[in-house]
Amino acid sequence: MDDPAELSDTTTPIAALKATLARFNADRGWGRFHTPQHLAMALSAESAELLELFLWKQEADLPRRERLAEEMADVLICLVNLANRLDLDLMAATADKLMKNAAKYPVAASFGNATKWDALDKAAAPASESNVKESPTTGTDP
């Protein structure tokens, strides 16, 4: 993909995003600055900038979508740059993590609650509507 303006969630495979970012960085000679340590620190800094937009805000007071999208894009760019630098397959890593999480958080024990995996009652009965607390924003906790 030659034009970053053509990137879209619905049409862009992660490999195309990785290639676009690699070209973008190469065109600017930034490879020498993209050490794993610096990219991890940049990821943390960009994540903190995103988090700051939510600090002490109610949902109705959040910044405009464009501002949120900008910071989220910065986080994604840093993450993909780090994956490129370390030659990690993000989709394979995500699939592996989802499988691990599915084992740690079986639906019957984790539905409707935010209990950490090591404190879940894995033998719990399936959740019913009577034991799922309502949340004002999403309908269920968490």
N, C-alpha and C. Protein backbone atom coordinates (compact mmCIF):
# COMPACT_ATOMS: atom_id res chain seq x y z
N MET A 1 0.85 -1.17 0.00
CA MET A 1 0.00 0.00 0.00
C MET A 1 0.90 1.23 0.00
N ASP A 2 0.84 1.99 -1.06
CA ASP A 2 1.73 3.13 -1.21
C ASP A 2 1.22 4.39 -0.52
N ASP A 3 -0.09 4.54 -0.41
CA ASP A 3 -0.67 5.76 0.13
C ASP A 3 -1.29 5.48 1.50
N PRO A 4 -0.71 6.05 2.58
CA PRO A 4 -1.28 5.83 3.92
C PRO A 4 -2.75 6.25 4.01
N ALA A 5 -3.19 7.17 3.15
CA ALA A 5 -4.59 7.61 3.17
C ALA A 5 -5.54 6.48 2.79
N GLU A 6 -5.03 5.43 2.18
CA GLU A 6 -5.86 4.30 1.77
C GLU A 6 -6.06 3.27 2.88
N LEU A 7 -5.41 3.46 4.03
CA LEU A 7 -5.53 2.50 5.12
C LEU A 7 -6.93 2.56 5.74
N SER A 8 -7.48 1.40 6.05
CA SER A 8 -8.80 1.29 6.66
C SER A 8 -8.89 -0.02 7.43
N ASP A 9 -9.58 -0.01 8.56
CA ASP A 9 -9.77 -1.24 9.34
C ASP A 9 -10.41 -2.34 8.51
N THR A 10 -11.30 -1.98 7.64
CA THR A 10 -12.06 -3.00 6.90
C THR A 10 -11.31 -3.56 5.70
N THR A 11 -10.26 -2.86 5.25
CA THR A 11 -9.60 -3.33 4.03
C THR A 11 -8.10 -3.55 4.17
N THR A 12 -7.51 -3.19 5.30
CA THR A 12 -6.05 -3.24 5.43
C THR A 12 -5.61 -4.38 6.33
N PRO A 13 -4.94 -5.38 5.78
CA PRO A 13 -4.35 -6.42 6.63
C PRO A 13 -3.20 -5.81 7.46
N ILE A 14 -2.94 -6.39 8.59
CA ILE A 14 -1.86 -5.88 9.46
C ILE A 14 -0.53 -5.89 8.71
N ALA A 15 -0.32 -6.86 7.83
CA ALA A 15 0.93 -6.91 7.06
C ALA A 15 1.10 -5.66 6.20
N ALA A 16 0.00 -5.16 5.64
CA ALA A 16 0.07 -3.94 4.83
C ALA A 16 0.41 -2.74 5.69
N LEU A 17 -0.15 -2.67 6.88
CA LEU A 17 0.17 -1.58 7.80
C LEU A 17 1.64 -1.65 8.20
N LYS A 18 2.11 -2.86 8.51
CA LYS A 18 3.52 -3.02 8.88
C LYS A 18 4.44 -2.58 7.73
N ALA A 19 4.09 -2.94 6.51
CA ALA A 19 4.91 -2.55 5.36
C ALA A 19 4.87 -1.04 5.13
N THR A 20 3.69 -0.45 5.28
CA THR A 20 3.55 1.00 5.09
C THR A 20 4.40 1.75 6.12
N LEU A 21 4.35 1.32 7.38
CA LEU A 21 5.14 1.98 8.42
C LEU A 21 6.63 1.76 8.21
N ALA A 22 7.02 0.57 7.78
CA ALA A 22 8.44 0.30 7.52
C ALA A 22 8.96 1.23 6.42
N ARG A 23 8.16 1.38 5.36
CA ARG A 23 8.56 2.30 4.27
C ARG A 23 8.62 3.74 4.75
N PHE A 24 7.64 4.15 5.49
CA PHE A 24 7.58 5.51 6.03
C PHE A 24 8.83 5.81 6.84
N ASN A 25 9.20 4.88 7.71
CA ASN A 25 10.38 5.06 8.56
C ASN A 25 11.67 5.01 7.74
N ALA A 26 11.75 4.09 6.79
CA ALA A 26 12.95 3.97 5.95
C ALA A 26 13.15 5.23 5.11
N ASP A 27 12.06 5.78 4.58
CA ASP A 27 12.15 7.00 3.77
C ASP A 27 12.74 8.16 4.56
N ARG A 28 12.62 8.12 5.87
CA ARG A 28 13.10 9.20 6.72
C ARG A 28 14.40 8.85 7.45
N GLY A 29 14.90 7.64 7.24
CA GLY A 29 16.13 7.22 7.89
C GLY A 29 16.01 7.09 9.40
N TRP A 30 14.86 6.68 9.86
CA TRP A 30 14.61 6.60 11.30
C TRP A 30 14.98 5.26 11.92
N GLY A 31 15.40 4.29 11.13
CA GLY A 31 15.69 2.96 11.65
C GLY A 31 16.67 2.96 12.82
N ARG A 32 17.68 3.79 12.75
CA ARG A 32 18.69 3.80 13.83
C ARG A 32 18.12 4.29 15.16
N PHE A 33 17.01 5.01 15.11
CA PHE A 33 16.39 5.49 16.35
C PHE A 33 15.40 4.48 16.92
N HIS A 34 15.00 3.51 16.11
CA HIS A 34 13.95 2.58 16.50
C HIS A 34 14.52 1.33 17.16
N THR A 35 15.19 1.52 18.28
CA THR A 35 15.64 0.37 19.06
C THR A 35 14.43 -0.15 19.85
N PRO A 36 14.45 -1.41 20.23
CA PRO A 36 13.32 -1.92 21.02
C PRO A 36 13.08 -1.08 22.28
N GLN A 37 14.14 -0.67 22.94
CA GLN A 37 13.99 0.13 24.17
C GLN A 37 13.29 1.45 23.87
N HIS A 38 13.74 2.15 22.83
CA HIS A 38 13.14 3.44 22.50
C HIS A 38 11.70 3.29 22.02
N LEU A 39 11.43 2.25 21.25
CA LEU A 39 10.06 2.04 20.79
C LEU A 39 9.14 1.67 21.94
N ALA A 40 9.62 0.87 22.88
CA ALA A 40 8.81 0.52 24.06
C ALA A 40 8.53 1.77 24.90
N MET A 41 9.53 2.62 25.06
CA MET A 41 9.32 3.86 25.80
C MET A 41 8.34 4.78 25.06
N ALA A 42 8.47 4.86 23.75
CA ALA A 42 7.54 5.68 22.96
C ALA A 42 6.12 5.14 23.08
N LEU A 43 5.98 3.82 23.07
CA LEU A 43 4.66 3.21 23.23
C LEU A 43 4.05 3.59 24.58
N SER A 44 4.87 3.54 25.62
CA SER A 44 4.39 3.92 26.95
C SER A 44 3.99 5.40 26.99
N ALA A 45 4.82 6.25 26.40
CA ALA A 45 4.53 7.68 26.39
C ALA A 45 3.25 7.99 25.62
N GLU A 46 3.10 7.37 24.46
CA GLU A 46 1.90 7.61 23.65
C GLU A 46 0.66 7.05 24.35
N SER A 47 0.80 5.92 25.03
CA SER A 47 -0.32 5.36 25.79
C SER A 47 -0.72 6.31 26.92
N ALA A 48 0.27 6.92 27.56
CA ALA A 48 -0.01 7.88 28.63
C ALA A 48 -0.73 9.12 28.07
N GLU A 49 -0.36 9.55 26.87
CA GLU A 49 -1.05 10.69 26.26
C GLU A 49 -2.50 10.35 25.98
N LEU A 50 -2.76 9.12 25.54
CA LEU A 50 -4.14 8.68 25.34
C LEU A 50 -4.88 8.64 26.67
N LEU A 51 -4.26 8.08 27.67
CA LEU A 51 -4.87 7.98 28.99
C LEU A 51 -5.19 9.35 29.57
N GLU A 52 -4.32 10.31 29.33
CA GLU A 52 -4.53 11.66 29.85
C GLU A 52 -5.83 12.28 29.32
N LEU A 53 -6.22 11.92 28.12
CA LEU A 53 -7.46 12.45 27.56
C LEU A 53 -8.69 12.01 28.36
N PHE A 54 -8.56 10.91 29.11
CA PHE A 54 -9.67 10.39 29.90
C PHE A 54 -9.60 10.79 31.37
N LEU A 55 -8.48 11.35 31.78
CA LEU A 55 -8.25 11.66 33.20
C LEU A 55 -9.27 12.66 33.71
N TRP A 56 -9.97 12.28 34.75
CA TRP A 56 -10.95 13.10 35.46
C TRP A 56 -12.10 13.55 34.57
N LYS A 57 -12.38 12.79 33.53
CA LYS A 57 -13.46 13.16 32.61
C LYS A 57 -14.62 12.18 32.74
N GLN A 58 -15.79 12.70 32.56
CA GLN A 58 -16.97 11.87 32.41
C GLN A 58 -17.08 11.54 30.92
N GLU A 59 -17.80 10.50 30.59
CA GLU A 59 -17.90 10.10 29.18
C GLU A 59 -18.41 11.24 28.30
N ALA A 60 -19.32 12.04 28.81
CA ALA A 60 -19.88 13.15 28.03
C ALA A 60 -18.86 14.27 27.81
N ASP A 61 -17.78 14.28 28.60
CA ASP A 61 -16.78 15.36 28.51
C ASP A 61 -15.52 14.96 27.77
N LEU A 62 -15.54 13.82 27.10
CA LEU A 62 -14.35 13.37 26.40
C LEU A 62 -14.03 14.28 25.23
N PRO A 63 -12.75 14.32 24.84
CA PRO A 63 -12.38 15.15 23.69
C PRO A 63 -13.05 14.65 22.41
N ARG A 64 -12.99 15.46 21.39
CA ARG A 64 -13.60 15.09 20.11
C ARG A 64 -12.96 13.82 19.57
N ARG A 65 -13.70 13.10 18.76
CA ARG A 65 -13.26 11.81 18.22
C ARG A 65 -11.93 11.91 17.47
N GLU A 66 -11.72 13.00 16.74
CA GLU A 66 -10.50 13.16 15.97
C GLU A 66 -9.28 13.17 16.89
N ARG A 67 -9.41 13.81 18.05
CA ARG A 67 -8.29 13.87 19.01
C ARG A 67 -8.02 12.48 19.59
N LEU A 68 -9.06 11.76 19.94
CA LEU A 68 -8.91 10.40 20.44
C LEU A 68 -8.28 9.50 19.38
N ALA A 69 -8.75 9.63 18.15
CA ALA A 69 -8.22 8.81 17.05
C ALA A 69 -6.74 9.09 16.83
N GLU A 70 -6.34 10.35 16.94
CA GLU A 70 -4.93 10.72 16.77
C GLU A 70 -4.04 10.00 17.78
N GLU A 71 -4.45 10.05 19.04
CA GLU A 71 -3.65 9.40 20.09
C GLU A 71 -3.68 7.88 19.96
N MET A 72 -4.82 7.33 19.59
CA MET A 72 -4.91 5.89 19.40
C MET A 72 -4.02 5.46 18.24
N ALA A 73 -3.98 6.27 17.20
CA ALA A 73 -3.11 5.96 16.06
C ALA A 73 -1.64 6.01 16.48
N ASP A 74 -1.27 6.97 17.31
CA ASP A 74 0.11 7.04 17.80
C ASP A 74 0.49 5.76 18.55
N VAL A 75 -0.43 5.26 19.38
CA VAL A 75 -0.19 4.02 20.13
C VAL A 75 -0.01 2.85 19.16
N LEU A 76 -0.89 2.75 18.17
CA LEU A 76 -0.82 1.66 17.20
C LEU A 76 0.48 1.74 16.39
N ILE A 77 0.84 2.93 15.96
CA ILE A 77 2.07 3.10 15.18
C ILE A 77 3.28 2.64 16.00
N CYS A 78 3.35 3.04 17.26
CA CYS A 78 4.48 2.61 18.10
C CYS A 78 4.48 1.10 18.29
N LEU A 79 3.30 0.51 18.50
CA LEU A 79 3.21 -0.93 18.70
C LEU A 79 3.63 -1.68 17.44
N VAL A 80 3.16 -1.25 16.30
CA VAL A 80 3.51 -1.92 15.05
C VAL A 80 4.99 -1.73 14.73
N ASN A 81 5.52 -0.55 15.00
CA ASN A 81 6.96 -0.33 14.80
C ASN A 81 7.78 -1.26 15.70
N LEU A 82 7.35 -1.44 16.93
CA LEU A 82 8.05 -2.34 17.85
C LEU A 82 7.96 -3.79 17.35
N ALA A 83 6.78 -4.19 16.90
CA ALA A 83 6.62 -5.55 16.36
C ALA A 83 7.51 -5.75 15.14
N ASN A 84 7.57 -4.75 14.26
CA ASN A 84 8.46 -4.82 13.10
C ASN A 84 9.90 -4.98 13.54
N ARG A 85 10.32 -4.17 14.48
CA ARG A 85 11.72 -4.17 14.92
C ARG A 85 12.11 -5.52 15.54
N LEU A 86 11.16 -6.13 16.26
CA LEU A 86 11.43 -7.41 16.93
C LEU A 86 11.02 -8.61 16.07
N ASP A 87 10.54 -8.34 14.86
CA ASP A 87 10.09 -9.37 13.94
C ASP A 87 9.05 -10.29 14.60
N LEU A 88 8.05 -9.66 15.22
CA LEU A 88 6.97 -10.38 15.87
C LEU A 88 5.71 -10.32 15.01
N ASP A 89 5.00 -11.42 14.94
CA ASP A 89 3.74 -11.51 14.23
C ASP A 89 2.63 -11.14 15.21
N LEU A 90 2.10 -9.93 15.08
CA LEU A 90 1.09 -9.45 16.02
C LEU A 90 -0.19 -10.29 15.99
N MET A 91 -0.62 -10.72 14.82
CA MET A 91 -1.86 -11.50 14.74
C MET A 91 -1.67 -12.87 15.38
N ALA A 92 -0.53 -13.50 15.16
CA ALA A 92 -0.26 -14.80 15.80
C ALA A 92 -0.15 -14.64 17.31
N ALA A 93 0.51 -13.56 17.75
CA ALA A 93 0.63 -13.31 19.19
C ALA A 93 -0.74 -13.05 19.81
N THR A 94 -1.59 -12.32 19.09
CA THR A 94 -2.94 -12.03 19.58
C THR A 94 -3.78 -13.30 19.64
N ALA A 95 -3.69 -14.13 18.61
CA ALA A 95 -4.43 -15.39 18.61
C ALA A 95 -4.00 -16.28 19.77
N ASP A 96 -2.69 -16.35 20.00
CA ASP A 96 -2.15 -17.14 21.10
C ASP A 96 -2.66 -16.60 22.44
N LYS A 97 -2.64 -15.29 22.59
CA LYS A 97 -3.09 -14.68 23.85
C LYS A 97 -4.58 -14.89 24.06
N LEU A 98 -5.36 -14.80 23.00
CA LEU A 98 -6.81 -15.05 23.14
C LEU A 98 -7.09 -16.49 23.57
N MET A 99 -6.32 -17.44 23.03
CA MET A 99 -6.51 -18.84 23.45
C MET A 99 -6.15 -19.01 24.92
N LYS A 100 -5.06 -18.38 25.35
CA LYS A 100 -4.67 -18.45 26.77
C LYS A 100 -5.74 -17.81 27.65
N ASN A 101 -6.25 -16.65 27.23
CA ASN A 101 -7.29 -15.97 28.00
C ASN A 101 -8.58 -16.77 28.06
N ALA A 102 -8.92 -17.46 26.97
CA ALA A 102 -10.12 -18.29 26.97
C ALA A 102 -10.00 -19.40 28.02
N ALA A 103 -8.79 -19.95 28.17
CA ALA A 103 -8.58 -20.99 29.18
C ALA A 103 -8.62 -20.40 30.59
N LYS A 104 -8.09 -19.19 30.75
CA LYS A 104 -8.06 -18.55 32.06
C LYS A 104 -9.41 -17.98 32.46
N TYR A 105 -10.21 -17.61 31.47
CA TYR A 105 -11.51 -16.98 31.73
C TYR A 105 -12.63 -17.74 31.02
N PRO A 106 -12.97 -18.94 31.51
CA PRO A 106 -14.08 -19.66 30.88
C PRO A 106 -15.37 -18.86 31.03
N VAL A 107 -16.21 -18.90 30.02
CA VAL A 107 -17.43 -18.10 30.01
C VAL A 107 -18.28 -18.34 31.25
N ALA A 108 -18.44 -19.59 31.62
CA ALA A 108 -19.31 -19.91 32.76
C ALA A 108 -18.82 -19.26 34.05
N ALA A 109 -17.53 -19.10 34.22
CA ALA A 109 -17.00 -18.52 35.45
C ALA A 109 -16.77 -17.02 35.36
N SER A 110 -16.60 -16.49 34.16
CA SER A 110 -16.21 -15.09 34.06
C SER A 110 -17.28 -14.16 33.50
N PHE A 111 -18.37 -14.71 32.98
CA PHE A 111 -19.39 -13.86 32.38
C PHE A 111 -19.95 -12.87 33.40
N GLY A 112 -19.90 -11.59 33.04
CA GLY A 112 -20.53 -10.57 33.87
C GLY A 112 -19.76 -10.14 35.09
N ASN A 113 -18.49 -10.55 35.22
CA ASN A 113 -17.72 -10.06 36.37
C ASN A 113 -16.29 -9.76 35.94
N ALA A 114 -15.61 -8.99 36.75
CA ALA A 114 -14.25 -8.54 36.42
C ALA A 114 -13.21 -9.19 37.34
N THR A 115 -13.54 -10.32 37.89
CA THR A 115 -12.62 -11.02 38.78
C THR A 115 -11.41 -11.52 38.01
N LYS A 116 -10.22 -11.31 38.57
CA LYS A 116 -9.00 -11.78 37.92
C LYS A 116 -9.02 -13.30 37.85
N TRP A 117 -8.39 -13.83 36.80
CA TRP A 117 -8.44 -15.26 36.49
C TRP A 117 -8.06 -16.15 37.66
N ASP A 118 -7.08 -15.73 38.47
CA ASP A 118 -6.62 -16.61 39.55
C ASP A 118 -7.55 -16.60 40.76
N ALA A 119 -8.57 -15.74 40.73
CA ALA A 119 -9.55 -15.72 41.82
C ALA A 119 -10.93 -16.19 41.36
N LEU A 120 -11.04 -16.57 40.09
CA LEU A 120 -12.32 -17.05 39.58
C LEU A 120 -12.66 -18.43 40.13
N ASP A 121 -13.94 -18.65 40.35
CA ASP A 121 -14.42 -19.99 40.69
C ASP A 121 -14.69 -20.69 39.37
N LYS A 122 -13.71 -21.46 38.91
CA LYS A 122 -13.81 -22.09 37.58
C LYS A 122 -14.92 -23.14 37.53
N ALA A 123 -15.41 -23.56 38.67
CA ALA A 123 -16.49 -24.54 38.69
C ALA A 123 -17.84 -23.85 38.83
N ALA A 124 -17.86 -22.53 38.69
CA ALA A 124 -19.10 -21.77 38.87
C ALA A 124 -20.14 -22.17 37.83
N ALA A 125 -21.37 -22.03 38.24
CA ALA A 125 -22.48 -22.31 37.32
C ALA A 125 -22.54 -21.19 36.28
N PRO A 126 -23.10 -21.47 35.13
CA PRO A 126 -23.24 -20.42 34.11
C PRO A 126 -23.98 -19.20 34.68
N ALA A 127 -23.57 -18.04 34.24
CA ALA A 127 -24.20 -16.81 34.69
C ALA A 127 -25.65 -16.76 34.23
N SER A 128 -26.48 -16.22 35.08
CA SER A 128 -27.88 -16.02 34.69
C SER A 128 -28.17 -14.53 34.81
N GLU A 129 -29.30 -14.14 34.29
CA GLU A 129 -29.63 -12.72 34.34
C GLU A 129 -29.76 -12.25 35.77
N SER A 130 -30.08 -13.11 36.70
CA SER A 130 -30.27 -12.69 38.08
C SER A 130 -28.95 -12.39 38.79
N ASN A 131 -27.81 -12.90 38.27
CA ASN A 131 -26.55 -12.61 38.95
C ASN A 131 -25.61 -11.73 38.13
N VAL A 132 -26.12 -11.09 37.09
CA VAL A 132 -25.33 -10.16 36.30
C VAL A 132 -25.80 -8.76 36.64
N LYS A 133 -24.89 -7.96 37.22
CA LYS A 133 -25.22 -6.59 37.61
C LYS A 133 -25.30 -5.70 36.38
N GLU A 134 -26.24 -4.80 36.38
CA GLU A 134 -26.38 -3.86 35.27
C GLU A 134 -25.41 -2.70 35.46
N SER A 135 -24.86 -2.24 34.36
CA SER A 135 -23.98 -1.08 34.33
C SER A 135 -24.70 0.01 33.56
N PRO A 136 -24.60 1.26 34.00
CA PRO A 136 -25.30 2.31 33.29
C PRO A 136 -24.77 2.56 31.87
N THR A 137 -23.52 2.18 31.59
CA THR A 137 -22.96 2.49 30.28
C THR A 137 -23.00 1.33 29.32
N THR A 138 -22.81 0.10 29.78
CA THR A 138 -22.72 -1.03 28.86
C THR A 138 -23.82 -2.05 29.06
N GLY A 139 -24.57 -1.96 30.14
CA GLY A 139 -25.62 -2.92 30.38
C GLY A 139 -25.20 -4.01 31.34
N THR A 140 -23.92 -4.36 31.41
CA THR A 140 -23.42 -5.34 32.36
C THR A 140 -22.07 -4.90 32.87
N ASP A 141 -21.70 -5.35 34.05
CA ASP A 141 -20.36 -5.09 34.58
C ASP A 141 -19.43 -6.13 34.04
N PRO A 142 -18.18 -5.85 33.81
CA PRO A 142 -17.48 -4.61 34.05
C PRO A 142 -17.68 -3.64 32.92
